[in-house]
Amino acid sequence: MRNFCTALLVMIAVTGCARREPLVSTDRLTVVSDASALPAPNRQDLTAADRPALIGPLDTIQVDVFNVPDLSREMQVDASGRIAMPLVGTVDARGKTAQELAAAVETALRGRYVRNPEVTVNIKSSVSQVVTIDGQVVEPGLYPVTNQMTLLRAIASAKGMNEFARTEEVVILRTVEGRKMAGLYNIEAIRRGAYDDPPIYANDVIVVGDSPQRRLFRDFVSVAPLLAAPLIAVLQ
């Protein structure tokens, strides 16, 4: 018990000494001292950089062939990433944009069945463009990815970090050209504007680290609530 209390007191001492640095302007961040002086964003600020929306297995798409209503239909991409249409046959849709798939269908129809086919494809719902959020968040799981998705927004989608999260140990796992890569991020540093909130892409895996010190404190509170009461006051 003595060793347990000693370790806890050391943890509290370290926590108590840690102070948040005030926000200051840098070449990456402009701090506005008066909140009323914070300018409104312009039109360009309200849109994210374009990312191609790719079609994947089990996505639902709408295919329209101009002037050929019998070929126009809503369909689901099969588990292997392919679609099947009359007169067209089987077309590999996996990894294609809506425009690329439309061009592939036009190529299959041109000449043999339709003189000058005009095909449009729209992605109605996507289950393939998702990010996996795991570790110490409130609701781990799979979440859809949009052009606006960033690390902070992804964590917010999972209802934020839980009480045991280690904010300086958040990892993004990603595969780039067949090579597995990992990036380590500090959420508090991103919130302070020390560096940009990184974008999140489909198939990324976000893992929020665990804080053993917080678990130790939780266990201490549950074992000795009377002794822990003044220590909680110190932390608050």
C-alpha atoms as a PDB file:
ATOM      1  CA  MET A   1       0.000   0.000   0.000  1.00  0.00           C
ATOM      2  CA  ARG A   2       2.905   2.368   0.791  1.00  0.00           C
ATOM      3  CA  ASN A   3       4.431   1.845  -2.653  1.00  0.00           C
ATOM      4  CA  PHE A   4       1.055   2.361  -4.261  1.00  0.00           C
ATOM      5  CA  CYS A   5       0.524   5.677  -2.442  1.00  0.00           C
ATOM      6  CA  THR A   6       4.051   6.821  -3.217  1.00  0.00           C
ATOM      7  CA  ALA A   7       3.590   6.166  -6.909  1.00  0.00           C
ATOM      8  CA  LEU A   8       0.277   8.007  -6.875  1.00  0.00           C
ATOM      9  CA  LEU A   9       1.751  11.037  -5.098  1.00  0.00           C
ATOM     10  CA  VAL A  10       4.571  11.203  -7.636  1.00  0.00           C
ATOM     11  CA  MET A  11       2.033  11.102 -10.457  1.00  0.00           C
ATOM     12  CA  ILE A  12       0.002  13.910  -8.852  1.00  0.00           C
ATOM     13  CA  ALA A  13       3.102  16.012  -8.305  1.00  0.00           C
ATOM     14  CA  VAL A  14       4.019  15.725 -11.965  1.00  0.00           C
ATOM     15  CA  THR A  15       0.460  16.506 -13.009  1.00  0.00           C
ATOM     16  CA  GLY A  16       0.303  19.499 -10.728  1.00  0.00           C
ATOM     17  CA  CYS A  17       3.519  20.945 -12.115  1.00  0.00           C
ATOM     18  CA  ALA A  18       2.303  20.717 -15.707  1.00  0.00           C
ATOM     19  CA  ARG A  19       0.903  24.063 -16.840  1.00  0.00           C
ATOM     20  CA  ARG A  20      -0.780  24.955 -20.079  1.00  0.00           C
ATOM     21  CA  GLU A  21       1.200  27.452 -22.092  1.00  0.00           C
ATOM     22  CA  PRO A  22      -0.837  30.447 -23.295  1.00  0.00           C
ATOM     23  CA  LEU A  23      -1.629  30.674 -26.978  1.00  0.00           C
ATOM     24  CA  VAL A  24       0.774  32.899 -28.904  1.00  0.00           C
ATOM     25  CA  SER A  25       0.887  33.901 -32.551  1.00  0.00           C
ATOM     26  CA  THR A  26       3.289  32.001 -34.792  1.00  0.00           C
ATOM     27  CA  ASP A  27       3.876  31.730 -38.527  1.00  0.00           C
ATOM     28  CA  ARG A  28       1.184  29.011 -38.500  1.00  0.00           C
ATOM     29  CA  LEU A  29      -1.293  30.563 -36.078  1.00  0.00           C
ATOM     30  CA  THR A  30      -2.682  34.049 -35.488  1.00  0.00           C
ATOM     31  CA  VAL A  31      -4.049  34.567 -31.998  1.00  0.00           C
ATOM     32  CA  VAL A  32      -6.817  37.170 -31.758  1.00  0.00           C
ATOM     33  CA  SER A  33      -6.787  38.813 -28.346  1.00  0.00           C
ATOM     34  CA  ASP A  34     -10.329  40.164 -28.681  1.00  0.00           C
ATOM     35  CA  ALA A  35     -12.848  37.453 -29.553  1.00  0.00           C
ATOM     36  CA  SER A  36     -15.085  40.030 -31.248  1.00  0.00           C
ATOM     37  CA  ALA A  37     -12.257  40.757 -33.717  1.00  0.00           C
ATOM     38  CA  LEU A  38     -12.191  37.174 -35.042  1.00  0.00           C
ATOM     39  CA  PRO A  39     -12.984  37.608 -38.763  1.00  0.00           C
ATOM     40  CA  ALA A  40     -15.558  35.554 -40.625  1.00  0.00           C
ATOM     41  CA  PRO A  41     -14.291  32.951 -43.127  1.00  0.00           C
ATOM     42  CA  ASN A  42     -14.566  33.645 -46.845  1.00  0.00           C
ATOM     43  CA  ARG A  43     -16.100  31.277 -49.377  1.00  0.00           C
ATOM     44  CA  GLN A  44     -12.840  29.420 -50.040  1.00  0.00           C
ATOM     45  CA  ASP A  45     -12.377  28.810 -46.312  1.00  0.00           C
ATOM     46  CA  LEU A  46     -15.727  27.018 -46.144  1.00  0.00           C
ATOM     47  CA  THR A  47     -14.812  24.285 -48.609  1.00  0.00           C
ATOM     48  CA  ALA A  48     -12.213  21.585 -48.219  1.00  0.00           C
ATOM     49  CA  ALA A  49      -9.757  20.644 -50.920  1.00  0.00           C
ATOM     50  CA  ASP A  50     -11.321  18.203 -53.345  1.00  0.00           C
ATOM     51  CA  ARG A  51     -10.625  14.532 -52.815  1.00  0.00           C
ATOM     52  CA  PRO A  52     -11.777  11.927 -55.351  1.00  0.00           C
ATOM     53  CA  ALA A  53     -14.695   9.866 -54.037  1.00  0.00           C
ATOM     54  CA  LEU A  54     -13.857   6.278 -54.914  1.00  0.00           C
ATOM     55  CA  ILE A  55     -16.356   3.462 -55.355  1.00  0.00           C
ATOM     56  CA  GLY A  56     -15.841   0.352 -53.266  1.00  0.00           C
ATOM     57  CA  PRO A  57     -17.513  -2.955 -52.370  1.00  0.00           C
ATOM     58  CA  LEU A  58     -21.126  -2.744 -51.167  1.00  0.00           C
ATOM     59  CA  ASP A  59     -21.498   0.930 -52.093  1.00  0.00           C
ATOM     60  CA  THR A  60     -24.842   1.925 -53.604  1.00  0.00           C
ATOM     61  CA  ILE A  61     -24.708   3.805 -56.904  1.00  0.00           C
ATOM     62  CA  GLN A  62     -27.165   5.236 -59.427  1.00  0.00           C
ATOM     63  CA  VAL A  63     -26.376   4.610 -63.110  1.00  0.00           C
ATOM     64  CA  ASP A  64     -28.314   6.632 -65.690  1.00  0.00           C
ATOM     65  CA  VAL A  65     -28.019   6.040 -69.439  1.00  0.00           C
ATOM     66  CA  PHE A  66     -29.461   9.010 -71.343  1.00  0.00           C
ATOM     67  CA  ASN A  67     -32.490   8.073 -73.456  1.00  0.00           C
ATOM     68  CA  VAL A  68     -32.235   4.397 -72.428  1.00  0.00           C
ATOM     69  CA  PRO A  69     -34.430   4.150 -69.311  1.00  0.00           C
ATOM     70  CA  ASP A  70     -34.304   0.340 -69.294  1.00  0.00           C
ATOM     71  CA  LEU A  71     -30.596   0.512 -68.496  1.00  0.00           C
ATOM     72  CA  SER A  72     -30.884   3.212 -65.842  1.00  0.00           C
ATOM     73  CA  ARG A  73     -31.003   1.799 -62.348  1.00  0.00           C
ATOM     74  CA  GLU A  74     -29.852   1.928 -58.758  1.00  0.00           C
ATOM     75  CA  MET A  75     -27.541  -0.914 -57.798  1.00  0.00           C
ATOM     76  CA  GLN A  76     -25.193  -2.112 -55.131  1.00  0.00           C
ATOM     77  CA  VAL A  77     -21.576  -2.909 -55.905  1.00  0.00           C
ATOM     78  CA  ASP A  78     -20.932  -6.542 -55.025  1.00  0.00           C
ATOM     79  CA  ALA A  79     -18.443  -7.727 -52.419  1.00  0.00           C
ATOM     80  CA  SER A  80     -15.710  -8.080 -55.039  1.00  0.00           C
ATOM     81  CA  GLY A  81     -16.169  -4.497 -56.245  1.00  0.00           C
ATOM     82  CA  ARG A  82     -18.027  -5.244 -59.490  1.00  0.00           C
ATOM     83  CA  ILE A  83     -21.372  -4.313 -61.014  1.00  0.00           C
ATOM     84  CA  ALA A  84     -23.416  -6.169 -63.658  1.00  0.00           C
ATOM     85  CA  MET A  85     -25.702  -4.490 -66.192  1.00  0.00           C
ATOM     86  CA  PRO A  86     -27.718  -5.692 -69.199  1.00  0.00           C
ATOM     87  CA  LEU A  87     -25.841  -5.212 -72.506  1.00  0.00           C
ATOM     88  CA  VAL A  88     -22.792  -4.138 -70.513  1.00  0.00           C
ATOM     89  CA  GLY A  89     -21.919  -7.258 -68.598  1.00  0.00           C
ATOM     90  CA  THR A  90     -19.649  -7.145 -65.576  1.00  0.00           C
ATOM     91  CA  VAL A  91     -17.609  -4.015 -64.918  1.00  0.00           C
ATOM     92  CA  ASP A  92     -14.979  -3.591 -62.220  1.00  0.00           C
ATOM     93  CA  ALA A  93     -16.043  -0.512 -60.215  1.00  0.00           C
ATOM     94  CA  ARG A  94     -13.622  -0.849 -57.317  1.00  0.00           C
ATOM     95  CA  GLY A  95     -11.302   2.116 -56.924  1.00  0.00           C
ATOM     96  CA  LYS A  96     -12.957   4.126 -59.693  1.00  0.00           C
ATOM     97  CA  THR A  97     -14.514   7.553 -59.398  1.00  0.00           C
ATOM     98  CA  ALA A  98     -18.104   8.021 -60.567  1.00  0.00           C
ATOM     99  CA  GLN A  99     -16.805   9.656 -63.760  1.00  0.00           C
ATOM    100  CA  GLU A 100     -14.378   6.800 -64.458  1.00  0.00           C
ATOM    101  CA  LEU A 101     -17.075   4.183 -64.006  1.00  0.00           C
ATOM    102  CA  ALA A 102     -19.421   6.146 -66.283  1.00  0.00           C
ATOM    103  CA  ALA A 103     -16.707   6.179 -68.948  1.00  0.00           C
ATOM    104  CA  ALA A 104     -16.227   2.402 -68.594  1.00  0.00           C
ATOM    105  CA  VAL A 105     -19.956   1.782 -69.068  1.00  0.00           C
ATOM    106  CA  GLU A 106     -20.014   4.097 -72.077  1.00  0.00           C
ATOM    107  CA  THR A 107     -17.133   2.170 -73.634  1.00  0.00           C
ATOM    108  CA  ALA A 108     -18.974  -1.136 -73.142  1.00  0.00           C
ATOM    109  CA  LEU A 109     -22.133   0.240 -74.783  1.00  0.00           C
ATOM    110  CA  ARG A 110     -20.596   2.256 -77.605  1.00  0.00           C
ATOM    111  CA  GLY A 111     -20.936   0.934 -81.135  1.00  0.00           C
ATOM    112  CA  ARG A 112     -22.582  -2.402 -80.406  1.00  0.00           C
ATOM    113  CA  TYR A 113     -25.765  -1.299 -78.665  1.00  0.00           C
ATOM    114  CA  VAL A 114     -25.911   2.493 -78.294  1.00  0.00           C
ATOM    115  CA  ARG A 115     -24.522   4.846 -80.918  1.00  0.00           C
ATOM    116  CA  ASN A 116     -23.423   7.715 -78.661  1.00  0.00           C
ATOM    117  CA  PRO A 117     -24.053   6.635 -75.075  1.00  0.00           C
ATOM    118  CA  GLU A 118     -24.155   9.262 -72.345  1.00  0.00           C
ATOM    119  CA  VAL A 119     -23.802   7.731 -68.901  1.00  0.00           C
ATOM    120  CA  THR A 120     -23.777   9.391 -65.508  1.00  0.00           C
ATOM    121  CA  VAL A 121     -22.988   7.661 -62.227  1.00  0.00           C
ATOM    122  CA  ASN A 122     -23.750   9.004 -58.759  1.00  0.00           C
ATOM    123  CA  ILE A 123     -22.655   7.497 -55.463  1.00  0.00           C
ATOM    124  CA  LYS A 124     -25.801   7.375 -53.329  1.00  0.00           C
ATOM    125  CA  SER A 125     -24.281   5.832 -50.218  1.00  0.00           C
ATOM    126  CA  SER A 126     -20.828   4.565 -49.387  1.00  0.00           C
ATOM    127  CA  VAL A 127     -19.811   1.962 -46.841  1.00  0.00           C
ATOM    128  CA  SER A 128     -16.303   1.477 -48.214  1.00  0.00           C
ATOM    129  CA  GLN A 129     -14.963   4.985 -47.518  1.00  0.00           C
ATOM    130  CA  VAL A 130     -14.532   4.618 -43.769  1.00  0.00           C
ATOM    131  CA  VAL A 131     -11.946   5.207 -41.068  1.00  0.00           C
ATOM    132  CA  THR A 132     -11.401   2.880 -38.104  1.00  0.00           C
ATOM    133  CA  ILE A 133     -11.187   4.658 -34.730  1.00  0.00           C
ATOM    134  CA  ASP A 134      -9.909   2.475 -31.891  1.00  0.00           C
ATOM    135  CA  GLY A 135      -8.317   2.763 -28.484  1.00  0.00           C
ATOM    136  CA  GLN A 136      -9.365   5.146 -25.745  1.00  0.00           C
ATOM    137  CA  VAL A 137     -12.360   6.858 -27.338  1.00  0.00           C
ATOM    138  CA  VAL A 138     -15.935   6.783 -26.108  1.00  0.00           C
ATOM    139  CA  GLU A 139     -17.344   4.902 -29.108  1.00  0.00           C
ATOM    140  CA  PRO A 140     -14.730   2.978 -31.145  1.00  0.00           C
ATOM    141  CA  GLY A 141     -15.888   1.855 -34.560  1.00  0.00           C
ATOM    142  CA  LEU A 142     -16.031   2.548 -38.284  1.00  0.00           C
ATOM    143  CA  TYR A 143     -16.940   6.067 -39.401  1.00  0.00           C
ATOM    144  CA  PRO A 144     -17.550   7.517 -42.890  1.00  0.00           C
ATOM    145  CA  VAL A 145     -14.838   9.713 -44.404  1.00  0.00           C
ATOM    146  CA  THR A 146     -15.637  12.987 -46.162  1.00  0.00           C
ATOM    147  CA  ASN A 147     -13.507  15.743 -47.713  1.00  0.00           C
ATOM    148  CA  GLN A 148     -13.686  17.599 -44.420  1.00  0.00           C
ATOM    149  CA  MET A 149     -12.455  14.736 -42.235  1.00  0.00           C
ATOM    150  CA  THR A 150      -9.463  15.517 -40.016  1.00  0.00           C
ATOM    151  CA  LEU A 151      -7.989  13.856 -36.933  1.00  0.00           C
ATOM    152  CA  LEU A 152      -9.862  16.071 -34.459  1.00  0.00           C
ATOM    153  CA  ARG A 153     -13.130  15.632 -36.334  1.00  0.00           C
ATOM    154  CA  ALA A 154     -12.649  11.878 -36.518  1.00  0.00           C
ATOM    155  CA  ILE A 155     -12.140  11.671 -32.746  1.00  0.00           C
ATOM    156  CA  ALA A 156     -15.187  13.893 -32.230  1.00  0.00           C
ATOM    157  CA  SER A 157     -17.194  11.462 -34.408  1.00  0.00           C
ATOM    158  CA  ALA A 158     -16.289   8.752 -31.890  1.00  0.00           C
ATOM    159  CA  LYS A 159     -17.735  10.973 -29.129  1.00  0.00           C
ATOM    160  CA  GLY A 160     -14.287  12.144 -28.047  1.00  0.00           C
ATOM    161  CA  MET A 161     -11.624  10.582 -25.884  1.00  0.00           C
ATOM    162  CA  ASN A 162     -12.472   8.714 -22.715  1.00  0.00           C
ATOM    163  CA  GLU A 163     -11.017   9.288 -19.266  1.00  0.00           C
ATOM    164  CA  PHE A 164      -8.008   7.041 -19.889  1.00  0.00           C
ATOM    165  CA  ALA A 165      -6.910   8.610 -23.188  1.00  0.00           C
ATOM    166  CA  ARG A 166      -3.330   9.723 -23.642  1.00  0.00           C
ATOM    167  CA  THR A 167      -3.641  12.864 -25.729  1.00  0.00           C
ATOM    168  CA  GLU A 168       0.036  12.969 -26.709  1.00  0.00           C
ATOM    169  CA  GLU A 169      -0.036   9.427 -28.066  1.00  0.00           C
ATOM    170  CA  VAL A 170      -2.488   9.243 -30.971  1.00  0.00           C
ATOM    171  CA  VAL A 171      -1.387   7.156 -33.934  1.00  0.00           C
ATOM    172  CA  ILE A 172      -2.641   7.200 -37.517  1.00  0.00           C
ATOM    173  CA  LEU A 173      -1.917   3.976 -39.410  1.00  0.00           C
ATOM    174  CA  ARG A 174      -1.992   4.245 -43.205  1.00  0.00           C
ATOM    175  CA  THR A 175      -0.951   2.222 -46.244  1.00  0.00           C
ATOM    176  CA  VAL A 176       0.771   4.232 -48.992  1.00  0.00           C
ATOM    177  CA  GLU A 177       1.702   2.445 -52.227  1.00  0.00           C
ATOM    178  CA  GLY A 178       1.591  -0.879 -50.412  1.00  0.00           C
ATOM    179  CA  ARG A 179       3.822   0.298 -47.567  1.00  0.00           C
ATOM    180  CA  LYS A 180       2.422   0.495 -44.051  1.00  0.00           C
ATOM    181  CA  MET A 181       3.145   3.801 -42.309  1.00  0.00           C
ATOM    182  CA  ALA A 182       2.381   5.301 -38.915  1.00  0.00           C
ATOM    183  CA  GLY A 183       2.286   8.892 -37.691  1.00  0.00           C
ATOM    184  CA  LEU A 184       2.330   9.924 -34.020  1.00  0.00           C
ATOM    185  CA  TYR A 185       0.290  13.004 -33.087  1.00  0.00           C
ATOM    186  CA  ASN A 186      -0.259  15.124 -29.994  1.00  0.00           C
ATOM    187  CA  ILE A 187      -3.895  16.206 -29.766  1.00  0.00           C
ATOM    188  CA  GLU A 188      -3.176  18.991 -27.276  1.00  0.00           C
ATOM    189  CA  ALA A 189      -0.505  20.409 -29.606  1.00  0.00           C
ATOM    190  CA  ILE A 190      -2.999  20.395 -32.495  1.00  0.00           C
ATOM    191  CA  ARG A 191      -5.571  22.161 -30.319  1.00  0.00           C
ATOM    192  CA  ARG A 192      -2.985  24.830 -29.467  1.00  0.00           C
ATOM    193  CA  GLY A 193      -2.279  25.350 -33.152  1.00  0.00           C
ATOM    194  CA  ALA A 194       1.296  24.059 -32.935  1.00  0.00           C
ATOM    195  CA  TYR A 195       0.692  22.189 -36.193  1.00  0.00           C
ATOM    196  CA  ASP A 196      -2.175  21.550 -38.582  1.00  0.00           C
ATOM    197  CA  ASP A 197      -4.971  19.118 -37.874  1.00  0.00           C
ATOM    198  CA  PRO A 198      -3.981  16.286 -40.260  1.00  0.00           C
ATOM    199  CA  PRO A 199      -6.470  15.077 -42.884  1.00  0.00           C
ATOM    200  CA  ILE A 200      -7.911  11.586 -42.578  1.00  0.00           C
ATOM    201  CA  TYR A 201      -8.411   9.294 -45.566  1.00  0.00           C
ATOM    202  CA  ALA A 202     -10.420   6.142 -46.230  1.00  0.00           C
ATOM    203  CA  ASN A 203      -8.926   2.987 -44.691  1.00  0.00           C
ATOM    204  CA  ASP A 204      -6.918   4.953 -42.113  1.00  0.00           C
ATOM    205  CA  VAL A 205      -6.793   3.456 -38.623  1.00  0.00           C
ATOM    206  CA  ILE A 206      -6.679   5.873 -35.667  1.00  0.00           C
ATOM    207  CA  VAL A 207      -5.538   4.484 -32.320  1.00  0.00           C
ATOM    208  CA  VAL A 208      -5.777   6.646 -29.189  1.00  0.00           C
ATOM    209  CA  GLY A 209      -3.224   5.603 -26.576  1.00  0.00           C
ATOM    210  CA  ASP A 210      -3.889   4.588 -22.984  1.00  0.00           C
ATOM    211  CA  SER A 211      -2.729   6.466 -19.874  1.00  0.00           C
ATOM    212  CA  PRO A 212      -1.627   4.039 -17.121  1.00  0.00           C
ATOM    213  CA  GLN A 213      -1.414   6.960 -14.644  1.00  0.00           C
ATOM    214  CA  ARG A 214      -5.094   7.751 -15.036  1.00  0.00           C
ATOM    215  CA  ARG A 215      -6.018   4.121 -14.556  1.00  0.00           C
ATOM    216  CA  LEU A 216      -3.854   4.044 -11.430  1.00  0.00           C
ATOM    217  CA  PHE A 217      -5.646   7.066 -10.042  1.00  0.00           C
ATOM    218  CA  ARG A 218      -9.076   5.581 -10.869  1.00  0.00           C
ATOM    219  CA  ASP A 219      -8.126   2.368  -9.086  1.00  0.00           C
ATOM    220  CA  PHE A 220      -6.860   4.321  -6.103  1.00  0.00           C
ATOM    221  CA  VAL A 221     -10.117   6.264  -5.845  1.00  0.00           C
ATOM    222  CA  SER A 222     -12.167   3.077  -5.987  1.00  0.00           C
ATOM    223  CA  VAL A 223     -10.016   1.367  -3.323  1.00  0.00           C
ATOM    224  CA  ALA A 224      -9.607   4.242  -0.877  1.00  0.00           C
ATOM    225  CA  PRO A 225     -12.212   6.958  -1.562  1.00  0.00           C
ATOM    226  CA  LEU A 226     -11.749   8.690   1.794  1.00  0.00           C
ATOM    227  CA  LEU A 227      -8.005   9.011   1.363  1.00  0.00           C
ATOM    228  CA  ALA A 228      -8.376  10.062  -2.251  1.00  0.00           C
ATOM    229  CA  ALA A 229     -10.844  12.883  -1.606  1.00  0.00           C
ATOM    230  CA  PRO A 230      -8.245  15.593  -0.853  1.00  0.00           C
ATOM    231  CA  LEU A 231      -6.096  14.344  -3.746  1.00  0.00           C
ATOM    232  CA  ILE A 232      -8.965  14.878  -6.165  1.00  0.00           C
ATOM    233  CA  ALA A 233      -9.229  18.430  -4.914  1.00  0.00           C
ATOM    234  CA  VAL A 234      -5.542  18.970  -5.718  1.00  0.00           C
ATOM    235  CA  LEU A 235      -6.024  17.710  -9.277  1.00  0.00           C
ATOM    236  CA  GLN A 236      -9.057  19.912  -9.846  1.00  0.00           C
END
